[in-house]
Structures are given as structure tokens and as C-alpha cells.
Amino acid sequence: MTTTTTHEGESLYAAARSQFLKAAEVMNLDPAVRQILEHPKNEICVNFPVRMDNGEIRVFRGYRIQHSNILGPYKGGIRYAPEVNLDEVKALAAWMTFKTALAGLPYGGAKGGITCKPSEMSLDEQMRLTRRFTHALGSNIGPDSDIPAPDIGTNSRHMVWMFDTFANSHGGSDRNRAKALVTGKSLACGGSEGREKATGQGVCYIIERWATNAGLKPSSLSVAVQGFGNVGYHAALIASEMGMKVVAVHDHTGCVANAAGLDVQALKKHQDATRTLNGFSGGETIAPESFWDQACDVLVPAAIENQLTSARARRIKAKVVVEGANGPTTREADVVLAERGITVIPDILANSGGVIVSFFEWLQNRNCEHWELETVDARLLDLITKAYDKTLDRAKRYKTDVRTGAYVVALERIAQAYAERGIFP
């Protein structure tokens, strides 16, 4: 089995497990529940052929890890990337279990993906890949059992292909319910208002709440964002619309900074035109590693896992780290940040806006409704703020860090379900 390791040498699943176990110890979690949650319920690996544009047949490997469904259907994204492997997907599935529980959603946790390079594939090849993967998963997914969503390398188009494949593989009522199979769809095909920006929107709601609790005005804050994909772009854009200064942006193509604030929309146009952040006229192109030295109030790692290492944690100048990505901070970096008095608002809270609005999309599909954007944003704000306040309460009650406080909230809900439902038979 291929294992995803952190920059500190630890496997990603081991890192996810250690975070959960720390909270379990703090709250004295029932050993039986602890043992159950240490392992995913199902590990599905499929190998399937795809015809490429040149007529060649290639076999791809796909994964769907279903971690827990004690609170409801499995829920989690589908990732297309060359690094996708069993260890990584197991970690992401576990994080989804705790993320949905923390947000108070009637979901469990899952994650899926295909080991591939979508940037080197045509749209037709990606369509055939997605349809073959959906077919290979078969009855392992469904609107009442396991509900996929976009992740790195996928978007609304891939989700529409998934639900269309599912719809054409089922008849009767299953066909009519197929839109609820996936979330993150286009508006024309049953998607929700606000879904594309949801994760970035949630990040900014969390920043706003943190600032209010700290006695700061959000408009006085400076923000540095690592990652300029869907999450990073929308977090930066919404932060700037709230009056914050986005002073640095870094992704795999380059890094730009401007202490007076970057024009986020102009930067996005530049990136779309040139395929790089470098050379943007509204800021200074700097060495990518210099991003971690930029002065800012808020640091938002919104790229991929394990970017904030212990060495980088010693250099950052932020007051708070708000994790827009899943697992961006290594365990060793967490220790360094705690020693330096820098608050970390964890991924299972900070980036939960995506799954919260996915839940809203699922509800709209099932009830044949369409909510206005104002309704979606208001309900997102309500749920993510409640999760934030509960997290701080548990962190204070157990005299622990914010990450562990978030896990405690999630585990309390899961443990209560097990206590009341028991183990069958």
C-alpha cells in the first residue's frame, strides 16, 4: 500500500488518528467507541478500464473509503490527483466523520478518489473516467447511503456526470432521486446557490467570529492565503470584500505579495490568462518559500495537506491560522504554534462550509426546492457559528487547544448515538 507521509515523516492517516485519539483521551471516550472509530467501516478499491482518446485502454485505480455512518449516510468528496492512495483517502474520510458531526449534520464520513493526472486528460477522457468509476462503485454509493462531492481535481461537471451515470443505471424511484446522489452540481442540474464559494465563505465567517471574540474589527485584518484554487480564491475574494487586506497569495505556480493589499479579482484574471501568479502587476513576485515570512494577522493554508511544517511554523507572523485545507498542519507544527501562542482553528471546523452547503443542496434536491443565496448564506453562518462557539466552550472546559475542542464536540455526538443505538446484533 502506498502511504502519504507528512513533511515530518508521519503518514497522513496516522496524523488524523493521533488528533482523534488526543481528544478521546481528554474526554475519556468510551473505549468501545474509540476502537470502532480507529478503523474505517469499509475500504473499497476498484480497478477499471478507460478508453483514451487515442484508442488506448488504460486501467485506473479508484477508492471509496467509508469511515462511519452512525449519524447518517456517508458523505465526502471525490479527488482526482496523481498522489491519491489508500492512506490519504482513509485520513480524509476520518476527518469527514468528525467534520459532519461537529457541524451537527445527519451525515457520516467518507472520501474517494482516483489516482490520475486530470491536467493531462481531455474532457472526454475525464468524462469516461468518471462514468466508469461511478459504474464500478455501483450500489456502494446512493442518495440514502453515500453521497459524493467535488474535491481536488474535480468540479460540478464531474458531479453531473456521476449523477447522470447513476440515473441511467437505475429505474423507477431511484432514477428520480438521482440528483441527491451527489452535491456540488451545477445550478442547471440541481446544484445549490452558494455551493462553489461555500468553503471559502465558511473560512471567512470563522475569521470574522475569531476577530469579534478577540475584540478586533475584521476590516482591520491582513490575510495571507496559501492555495489559489476554489477554496483559496473564494476565501481571498470574500475576505477582501469584507474589508480585509489580502497581503500575500501563494500556490504551486508562484507567489505574490503586496502589503497594501492585492486586488484578488485582478489576480485571478492574471492567473487564468498566464497560468501563474508570478508577474502580476499589482504585487511583487517573491520566492514561494518567502510566503511563510510575510507579516499578516491571519494565515489561511488552503492548498493540500502537510504544508505548514514545524520549520515554517517557527517563521510565520500571524496571530491565527485558519485551516482552509484538510490536514495542512503537521503535528510537530501544532506544537510549535502552541508554544508561540498562535491559535489554530482546525480544518474540521474552518473548512466545514463546503459540507454544510452540500447538506443544503441535498435537502433541496430531496424536497424539490431551490433556496435563494441569502437563505443559504444565513443558514451557513448559523451552523458554522454554533460549531465554533461549541468548540471554544469545550476547549475551555477541558483546558485544551481549539483543535482538540472541535474533536470533543464531534465525539460527544457520535458517542451519544452509539450509547443509545448500541451494537447490532
Protein backbone atom coordinates (compact mmCIF):
# COMPACT_ATOMS: atom_id res chain seq x y z
CA MET A 1 0.00 0.00 0.00
CA THR A 2 1.27 3.46 -0.90
CA THR A 3 1.38 5.75 2.12
CA THR A 4 1.11 9.53 2.12
CA THR A 5 3.70 10.89 4.54
CA THR A 6 3.86 14.33 6.06
CA HIS A 7 6.88 16.61 5.71
CA GLU A 8 7.69 15.46 9.25
CA GLY A 9 7.73 11.79 8.17
CA GLU A 10 4.37 10.66 9.58
CA SER A 11 1.68 9.00 7.47
CA LEU A 12 -1.40 11.13 6.88
CA TYR A 13 -3.74 8.57 8.39
CA ALA A 14 -1.51 8.29 11.46
CA ALA A 15 -1.73 12.07 11.83
CA ALA A 16 -5.54 12.01 11.58
CA ARG A 17 -5.71 9.15 14.06
CA SER A 18 -3.49 10.94 16.57
CA GLN A 19 -5.72 14.03 16.54
CA PHE A 20 -8.77 11.89 17.26
CA LEU A 21 -7.03 9.89 19.99
CA LYS A 22 -5.87 13.04 21.78
CA ALA A 23 -9.48 14.22 22.08
CA ALA A 24 -10.63 10.72 23.06
CA GLU A 25 -8.13 10.76 25.92
CA VAL A 26 -9.05 14.28 27.04
CA MET A 27 -12.78 13.48 27.24
CA ASN A 28 -12.35 9.88 28.44
CA LEU A 29 -14.21 8.47 25.46
CA ASP A 30 -15.76 5.02 25.81
CA PRO A 31 -13.03 2.53 24.75
CA ALA A 32 -15.50 0.65 22.55
CA VAL A 33 -16.37 3.79 20.57
CA ARG A 34 -12.69 4.65 20.36
CA GLN A 35 -11.89 1.24 18.92
CA ILE A 36 -14.69 1.44 16.35
CA LEU A 37 -13.61 4.89 15.12
CA GLU A 38 -9.97 3.91 14.80
CA HIS A 39 -10.88 1.97 11.65
CA PRO A 40 -12.96 2.84 8.58
CA LYS A 41 -16.09 0.73 8.22
CA ASN A 42 -15.48 -0.06 4.54
CA GLU A 43 -12.45 0.24 2.26
CA ILE A 44 -13.49 -0.04 -1.39
CA CYS A 45 -10.78 -0.28 -4.07
CA VAL A 46 -11.73 -0.68 -7.72
CA ASN A 47 -9.64 -1.14 -10.85
CA PHE A 48 -11.43 -0.26 -14.06
CA PRO A 49 -10.55 0.27 -17.74
CA VAL A 50 -10.99 3.56 -19.63
CA ARG A 51 -10.65 4.11 -23.36
CA MET A 52 -8.40 7.10 -24.03
CA ASP A 53 -8.82 9.47 -26.97
CA ASN A 54 -6.08 7.68 -28.95
CA GLY A 55 -7.90 4.35 -28.60
CA GLU A 56 -5.57 3.01 -25.90
CA ILE A 57 -7.13 1.20 -22.93
CA ARG A 58 -5.75 2.25 -19.54
CA VAL A 59 -6.62 0.74 -16.17
CA PHE A 60 -7.11 3.19 -13.29
CA ARG A 61 -7.40 2.55 -9.57
CA GLY A 62 -10.15 4.25 -7.60
CA TYR A 63 -11.02 4.35 -3.92
CA ARG A 64 -14.08 4.97 -1.77
CA ILE A 65 -13.40 4.81 1.96
CA GLN A 66 -16.50 4.82 4.15
CA HIS A 67 -15.37 5.67 7.67
CA SER A 68 -18.59 5.93 9.70
CA ASN A 69 -22.33 6.15 9.13
CA ILE A 70 -23.60 6.08 12.70
CA LEU A 71 -25.10 9.58 12.27
CA GLY A 72 -26.35 9.20 8.70
CA PRO A 73 -25.26 8.50 5.11
CA TYR A 74 -21.56 8.60 4.31
CA LYS A 75 -20.53 12.00 2.90
CA GLY A 76 -17.31 13.13 1.27
CA GLY A 77 -15.55 14.33 -1.85
CA ILE A 78 -14.00 12.63 -4.86
CA ARG A 79 -10.38 13.60 -5.57
CA TYR A 80 -8.53 13.19 -8.88
CA ALA A 81 -4.78 13.53 -8.39
CA PRO A 82 -1.60 11.53 -9.01
CA GLU A 83 -0.91 11.29 -5.25
CA VAL A 84 -4.26 9.66 -4.37
CA ASN A 85 -3.69 6.48 -2.36
CA LEU A 86 -5.39 4.39 0.30
CA ASP A 87 -3.65 6.03 3.27
CA GLU A 88 -4.57 9.54 2.13
CA VAL A 89 -8.19 8.70 1.43
CA LYS A 90 -8.55 6.93 4.79
CA ALA A 91 -7.35 10.07 6.56
CA LEU A 92 -9.68 12.32 4.59
CA ALA A 93 -12.65 10.01 5.27
CA ALA A 94 -11.98 10.06 9.02
CA TRP A 95 -11.78 13.86 9.01
CA MET A 96 -15.15 13.96 7.24
CA THR A 97 -16.75 11.88 10.00
CA PHE A 98 -15.66 14.39 12.63
CA LYS A 99 -16.39 17.40 10.43
CA THR A 100 -20.01 16.45 9.79
CA ALA A 101 -20.55 15.52 13.45
CA LEU A 102 -19.10 18.85 14.60
CA ALA A 103 -21.37 20.77 12.23
CA GLY A 104 -24.43 18.90 13.54
CA LEU A 105 -25.25 17.33 10.17
CA PRO A 106 -27.09 13.99 9.75
CA TYR A 107 -24.09 12.52 7.92
CA GLY A 108 -21.16 10.22 8.43
CA GLY A 109 -17.78 10.47 6.75
CA ALA A 110 -16.32 9.13 3.50
CA LYS A 111 -13.82 10.10 0.83
CA GLY A 112 -12.94 8.83 -2.60
CA GLY A 113 -10.56 9.39 -5.43
CA ILE A 114 -8.76 8.13 -8.49
CA THR A 115 -5.01 8.02 -8.98
CA CYS A 116 -4.66 10.01 -12.20
CA LYS A 117 -3.42 13.27 -13.73
CA PRO A 118 -6.55 15.15 -14.83
CA SER A 119 -4.45 18.04 -16.19
CA GLU A 120 -3.11 15.62 -18.83
CA MET A 121 -6.54 14.28 -19.79
CA SER A 122 -9.10 15.73 -22.17
CA LEU A 123 -12.64 16.47 -21.00
CA ASP A 124 -13.90 13.43 -22.90
CA GLU A 125 -11.33 11.23 -21.16
CA GLN A 126 -12.33 12.67 -17.78
CA MET A 127 -15.97 12.02 -18.60
CA ARG A 128 -15.30 8.37 -19.47
CA LEU A 129 -13.12 8.04 -16.36
CA THR A 130 -15.88 9.45 -14.14
CA ARG A 131 -18.64 7.34 -15.65
CA ARG A 132 -16.58 4.14 -15.43
CA PHE A 133 -15.69 4.89 -11.79
CA THR A 134 -19.33 5.55 -10.92
CA HIS A 135 -20.33 2.30 -12.59
CA ALA A 136 -17.55 0.41 -10.77
CA LEU A 137 -18.72 1.74 -7.40
CA GLY A 138 -22.22 0.51 -8.20
CA SER A 139 -24.51 0.18 -5.20
CA ASN A 140 -21.77 1.30 -2.80
CA ILE A 141 -22.99 4.87 -3.36
CA GLY A 142 -26.54 6.23 -3.35
CA PRO A 143 -28.61 9.24 -2.22
CA ASP A 144 -29.54 7.47 1.03
CA SER A 145 -26.24 5.69 1.67
CA ASP A 146 -23.13 7.51 0.37
CA ILE A 147 -23.15 10.97 -1.21
CA PRO A 148 -20.01 12.13 -3.10
CA ALA A 149 -18.98 15.76 -3.80
CA PRO A 150 -16.16 17.58 -5.60
CA ASP A 151 -12.64 17.77 -4.22
CA ILE A 152 -9.19 18.47 -5.66
CA GLY A 153 -9.20 17.80 -9.40
CA THR A 154 -12.99 17.58 -9.69
CA ASN A 155 -15.81 20.11 -10.03
CA SER A 156 -19.51 20.44 -10.78
CA ARG A 157 -19.09 18.89 -14.23
CA HIS A 158 -17.72 15.66 -12.75
CA MET A 159 -20.59 15.54 -10.26
CA VAL A 160 -23.16 15.92 -13.04
CA TRP A 161 -21.53 13.03 -14.91
CA MET A 162 -21.72 10.92 -11.75
CA PHE A 163 -25.39 11.54 -11.10
CA ASP A 164 -26.30 11.11 -14.78
CA THR A 165 -24.48 7.76 -14.87
CA PHE A 166 -26.26 6.67 -11.69
CA ALA A 167 -29.64 7.85 -13.02
CA ASN A 168 -29.20 5.89 -16.23
CA SER A 169 -28.21 2.78 -14.30
CA HIS A 170 -31.30 2.75 -12.11
CA GLY A 171 -35.02 2.81 -12.76
CA GLY A 172 -38.18 3.95 -11.06
CA SER A 173 -37.89 5.99 -7.89
CA ASP A 174 -34.10 5.56 -7.75
CA ARG A 175 -33.80 7.35 -11.07
CA ASN A 176 -35.97 10.22 -9.85
CA ARG A 177 -33.87 10.62 -6.70
CA ALA A 178 -30.57 10.56 -8.58
CA LYS A 179 -29.89 14.30 -8.23
CA ALA A 180 -29.46 13.75 -4.49
CA LEU A 181 -26.69 11.21 -5.20
CA VAL A 182 -24.01 13.91 -5.35
CA THR A 183 -23.63 17.51 -4.25
CA GLY A 184 -21.62 20.31 -5.79
CA LYS A 185 -23.54 20.09 -9.08
CA SER A 186 -24.14 22.95 -11.48
CA LEU A 187 -27.24 25.07 -10.84
CA ALA A 188 -28.82 23.84 -14.07
CA CYS A 189 -28.55 20.24 -12.86
CA GLY A 190 -29.77 20.66 -9.29
CA GLY A 191 -26.91 22.42 -7.55
CA SER A 192 -27.30 24.96 -4.75
CA GLU A 193 -26.74 28.67 -4.73
CA GLY A 194 -23.51 29.44 -2.91
CA ARG A 195 -22.04 25.94 -3.14
CA GLU A 196 -18.97 26.92 -5.18
CA LYS A 197 -17.89 29.58 -2.70
CA ALA A 198 -19.14 27.72 0.39
CA THR A 199 -15.83 26.54 1.83
CA GLY A 200 -14.18 29.92 1.36
CA GLN A 201 -17.29 31.62 2.72
CA GLY A 202 -17.15 29.47 5.83
CA VAL A 203 -13.47 30.27 6.32
CA CYS A 204 -14.31 33.98 6.27
CA TYR A 205 -17.22 33.56 8.69
CA ILE A 206 -14.77 31.86 11.07
CA ILE A 207 -12.22 34.67 10.67
CA GLU A 208 -14.97 37.19 11.38
CA ARG A 209 -16.07 35.30 14.51
CA TRP A 210 -12.49 34.96 15.75
CA ALA A 211 -11.89 38.69 15.23
CA THR A 212 -15.06 39.64 17.10
CA ASN A 213 -14.09 37.42 20.05
CA ALA A 214 -10.60 38.96 20.03
CA GLY A 215 -12.01 42.49 20.05
CA LEU A 216 -10.79 43.21 16.53
CA LYS A 217 -12.59 44.64 13.52
CA PRO A 218 -12.48 42.26 10.54
CA SER A 219 -11.79 45.23 8.27
CA SER A 220 -8.55 45.87 10.19
CA LEU A 221 -7.10 42.43 9.45
CA SER A 222 -4.43 41.42 6.97
CA VAL A 223 -4.64 37.93 5.46
CA ALA A 224 -2.18 35.64 3.67
CA VAL A 225 -3.62 32.74 1.66
CA GLN A 226 -1.74 29.65 0.56
CA GLY A 227 -3.52 27.96 -2.33
CA PHE A 228 -5.50 29.76 -5.03
CA GLY A 229 -7.87 27.05 -6.18
CA ASN A 230 -11.56 27.08 -5.38
CA VAL A 231 -11.15 27.42 -1.60
CA GLY A 232 -8.21 29.82 -1.59
CA TYR A 233 -9.62 32.07 -4.29
CA HIS A 234 -13.03 32.43 -2.68
CA ALA A 235 -11.54 32.87 0.81
CA ALA A 236 -9.30 35.64 -0.51
CA LEU A 237 -12.08 37.27 -2.53
CA ILE A 238 -14.64 37.24 0.28
CA ALA A 239 -12.06 38.42 2.81
CA SER A 240 -11.26 41.39 0.59
CA GLU A 241 -14.98 42.12 0.16
CA MET A 242 -15.25 42.18 3.96
CA GLY A 243 -12.58 44.88 4.01
CA MET A 244 -9.59 42.73 4.92
CA LYS A 245 -6.26 43.21 3.14
CA VAL A 246 -5.03 40.15 1.29
CA VAL A 247 -1.29 40.76 1.54
CA ALA A 248 0.10 37.54 0.04
CA VAL A 249 -1.08 34.64 -2.12
CA HIS A 250 0.93 31.52 -2.86
CA ASP A 251 0.17 28.41 -4.90
CA HIS A 252 2.08 25.82 -6.93
CA THR A 253 2.57 28.33 -9.77
CA GLY A 254 4.19 31.14 -7.78
CA CYS A 255 3.81 33.72 -5.06
CA VAL A 256 2.91 37.42 -4.95
CA ALA A 257 2.73 39.91 -2.12
CA ASN A 258 1.59 43.47 -1.54
CA ALA A 259 1.50 44.95 1.97
CA ALA A 260 -1.14 47.45 0.79
CA GLY A 261 -3.41 44.61 -0.36
CA LEU A 262 -3.83 42.59 -3.56
CA ASP A 263 -6.72 43.03 -5.98
CA VAL A 264 -7.97 39.44 -5.79
CA GLN A 265 -10.20 39.55 -8.87
CA ALA A 266 -7.41 41.07 -10.95
CA LEU A 267 -5.00 38.42 -9.67
CA LYS A 268 -7.44 35.67 -10.70
CA LYS A 269 -7.73 37.14 -14.20
CA HIS A 270 -3.93 37.25 -14.40
CA GLN A 271 -3.65 33.62 -13.28
CA ASP A 272 -6.31 32.48 -15.76
CA ALA A 273 -4.51 34.26 -18.59
CA THR A 274 -0.92 33.27 -17.75
CA ARG A 275 -1.35 30.04 -15.71
CA THR A 276 0.84 31.54 -12.97
CA LEU A 277 0.66 34.03 -10.11
CA ASN A 278 4.12 35.35 -10.93
CA GLY A 279 4.38 38.58 -12.89
CA PHE A 280 1.18 40.10 -11.52
CA SER A 281 1.47 43.86 -11.90
CA GLY A 282 -0.48 44.53 -8.71
CA GLY A 283 2.08 42.93 -6.43
CA GLU A 284 5.68 41.82 -6.03
CA THR A 285 6.68 38.36 -7.19
CA ILE A 286 8.56 36.69 -4.35
CA ALA A 287 10.17 33.31 -3.78
CA PRO A 288 7.49 30.76 -2.81
CA GLU A 289 9.19 29.89 0.47
CA SER A 290 9.17 33.60 1.43
CA PHE A 291 5.38 33.37 1.71
CA TRP A 292 5.77 31.97 5.22
CA ASP A 293 7.71 35.08 6.31
CA GLN A 294 5.03 37.59 5.30
CA ALA A 295 3.58 39.78 8.05
CA CYS A 296 -0.16 39.16 8.47
CA ASP A 297 -2.83 38.77 11.12
CA VAL A 298 -4.47 35.68 9.60
CA LEU A 299 -2.81 32.81 7.73
CA VAL A 300 -5.10 30.60 5.64
CA PRO A 301 -3.46 27.40 4.37
CA ALA A 302 -5.92 26.39 1.65
CA ALA A 303 -3.85 24.14 -0.62
CA ILE A 304 -3.08 20.50 0.20
CA GLU A 305 -2.04 18.51 3.24
CA ASN A 306 1.10 18.99 5.35
CA GLN A 307 2.15 22.41 4.08
CA LEU A 308 2.61 24.05 7.48
CA THR A 309 5.60 22.19 8.89
CA SER A 310 7.38 22.83 12.18
CA ALA A 311 10.12 24.79 10.40
CA ARG A 312 7.58 27.06 8.70
CA ALA A 313 5.58 27.36 11.93
CA ARG A 314 8.62 28.97 13.55
CA ARG A 315 8.67 31.66 10.86
CA ILE A 316 5.06 32.74 10.41
CA LYS A 317 3.96 36.07 11.86
CA ALA A 318 0.19 35.52 12.03
CA LYS A 319 -1.96 35.71 15.15
CA VAL A 320 -4.21 32.88 13.97
CA VAL A 321 -4.07 30.02 11.46
CA VAL A 322 -7.43 29.18 9.85
CA GLU A 323 -7.19 25.85 8.05
CA GLY A 324 -8.95 26.10 4.70
CA ALA A 325 -7.37 22.84 3.51
CA ASN A 326 -7.68 19.39 5.04
CA GLY A 327 -4.73 18.47 7.25
CA PRO A 328 -2.43 21.37 6.27
CA THR A 329 -0.63 21.48 9.65
CA THR A 330 1.67 18.72 10.86
CA ARG A 331 1.58 17.51 14.46
CA GLU A 332 5.02 18.98 15.07
CA ALA A 333 3.87 22.33 13.69
CA ASP A 334 0.87 22.27 16.04
CA VAL A 335 3.29 22.01 18.97
CA VAL A 336 5.39 24.91 17.71
CA LEU A 337 2.37 27.13 17.11
CA ALA A 338 1.02 26.38 20.60
CA GLU A 339 4.38 27.29 22.12
CA ARG A 340 4.32 30.58 20.21
CA GLY A 341 0.77 31.38 21.31
CA ILE A 342 -0.64 31.23 17.77
CA THR A 343 -4.22 29.92 17.65
CA VAL A 344 -5.06 27.20 15.12
CA ILE A 345 -8.69 26.93 14.03
CA PRO A 346 -8.79 23.38 12.69
CA ASP A 347 -9.88 22.10 9.32
CA ILE A 348 -12.87 20.12 10.62
CA LEU A 349 -14.33 23.46 11.74
CA ALA A 350 -12.79 26.10 9.47
CA ASN A 351 -13.47 24.43 6.11
CA SER A 352 -16.81 22.85 7.01
CA GLY A 353 -18.72 25.40 4.92
CA GLY A 354 -18.46 23.12 1.91
CA VAL A 355 -20.14 20.12 3.51
CA ILE A 356 -22.71 22.32 5.27
CA VAL A 357 -23.90 23.79 1.96
CA SER A 358 -23.67 20.32 0.42
CA PHE A 359 -26.21 19.28 3.06
CA PHE A 360 -28.41 22.20 1.98
CA GLU A 361 -28.13 21.06 -1.65
CA TRP A 362 -29.10 17.50 -0.68
CA LEU A 363 -32.15 18.81 1.19
CA GLN A 364 -33.20 20.96 -1.75
CA ASN A 365 -32.89 18.02 -4.15
CA ARG A 366 -34.89 15.70 -1.92
CA ASN A 367 -37.63 18.28 -1.33
CA CYS A 368 -37.70 19.65 -4.91
CA GLU A 369 -36.81 23.12 -3.61
CA HIS A 370 -34.46 25.91 -4.60
CA TRP A 371 -33.21 28.29 -1.90
CA GLU A 372 -32.06 31.85 -2.56
CA LEU A 373 -28.41 32.72 -1.90
CA GLU A 374 -29.33 34.86 1.11
CA THR A 375 -31.03 31.87 2.72
CA VAL A 376 -28.05 29.60 2.07
CA ASP A 377 -25.54 32.12 3.47
CA ALA A 378 -27.68 32.83 6.56
CA ARG A 379 -28.09 29.14 7.37
CA LEU A 380 -24.38 28.50 6.79
CA LEU A 381 -23.49 31.35 9.15
CA ASP A 382 -25.83 29.95 11.79
CA LEU A 383 -24.47 26.39 11.71
CA ILE A 384 -20.77 27.24 11.46
CA THR A 385 -21.04 29.86 14.23
CA LYS A 386 -22.74 27.37 16.55
CA ALA A 387 -19.97 24.84 15.84
CA TYR A 388 -17.31 27.48 16.54
CA ASP A 389 -18.88 28.50 19.85
CA LYS A 390 -19.25 24.89 20.99
CA THR A 391 -15.63 24.24 20.05
CA LEU A 392 -14.36 27.14 22.15
CA ASP A 393 -16.56 26.04 25.03
CA ARG A 394 -15.07 22.52 25.02
CA ALA A 395 -11.52 23.83 24.62
CA LYS A 396 -12.06 26.00 27.70
CA ARG A 397 -13.86 23.29 29.68
CA TYR A 398 -11.13 20.69 29.08
CA LYS A 399 -8.28 23.22 29.17
CA THR A 400 -7.06 22.12 25.77
CA ASP A 401 -6.37 23.53 22.31
CA VAL A 402 -9.03 24.53 19.78
CA ARG A 403 -8.40 21.52 17.52
CA THR A 404 -8.97 19.09 20.35
CA GLY A 405 -12.03 21.06 21.46
CA ALA A 406 -13.54 20.60 17.99
CA TYR A 407 -12.95 16.84 18.11
CA VAL A 408 -14.54 16.66 21.56
CA VAL A 409 -17.75 18.26 20.24
CA ALA A 410 -17.84 15.77 17.35
CA LEU A 411 -17.06 12.76 19.53
CA GLU A 412 -19.71 13.69 22.09
CA ARG A 413 -22.36 13.48 19.38
CA ILE A 414 -21.04 10.22 17.93
CA ALA A 415 -20.64 8.62 21.36
CA GLN A 416 -24.21 9.53 22.30
CA ALA A 417 -25.50 7.84 19.14
CA TYR A 418 -23.59 4.66 19.95
CA ALA A 419 -24.77 4.75 23.57
CA GLU A 420 -28.40 4.97 22.51
CA ARG A 421 -28.31 2.67 19.47
CA GLY A 422 -25.88 0.06 20.73
CA ILE A 423 -24.18 -2.53 18.52
CA PHE A 424 -26.36 -4.83 16.40
CA PRO A 425 -26.76 -7.76 16.70
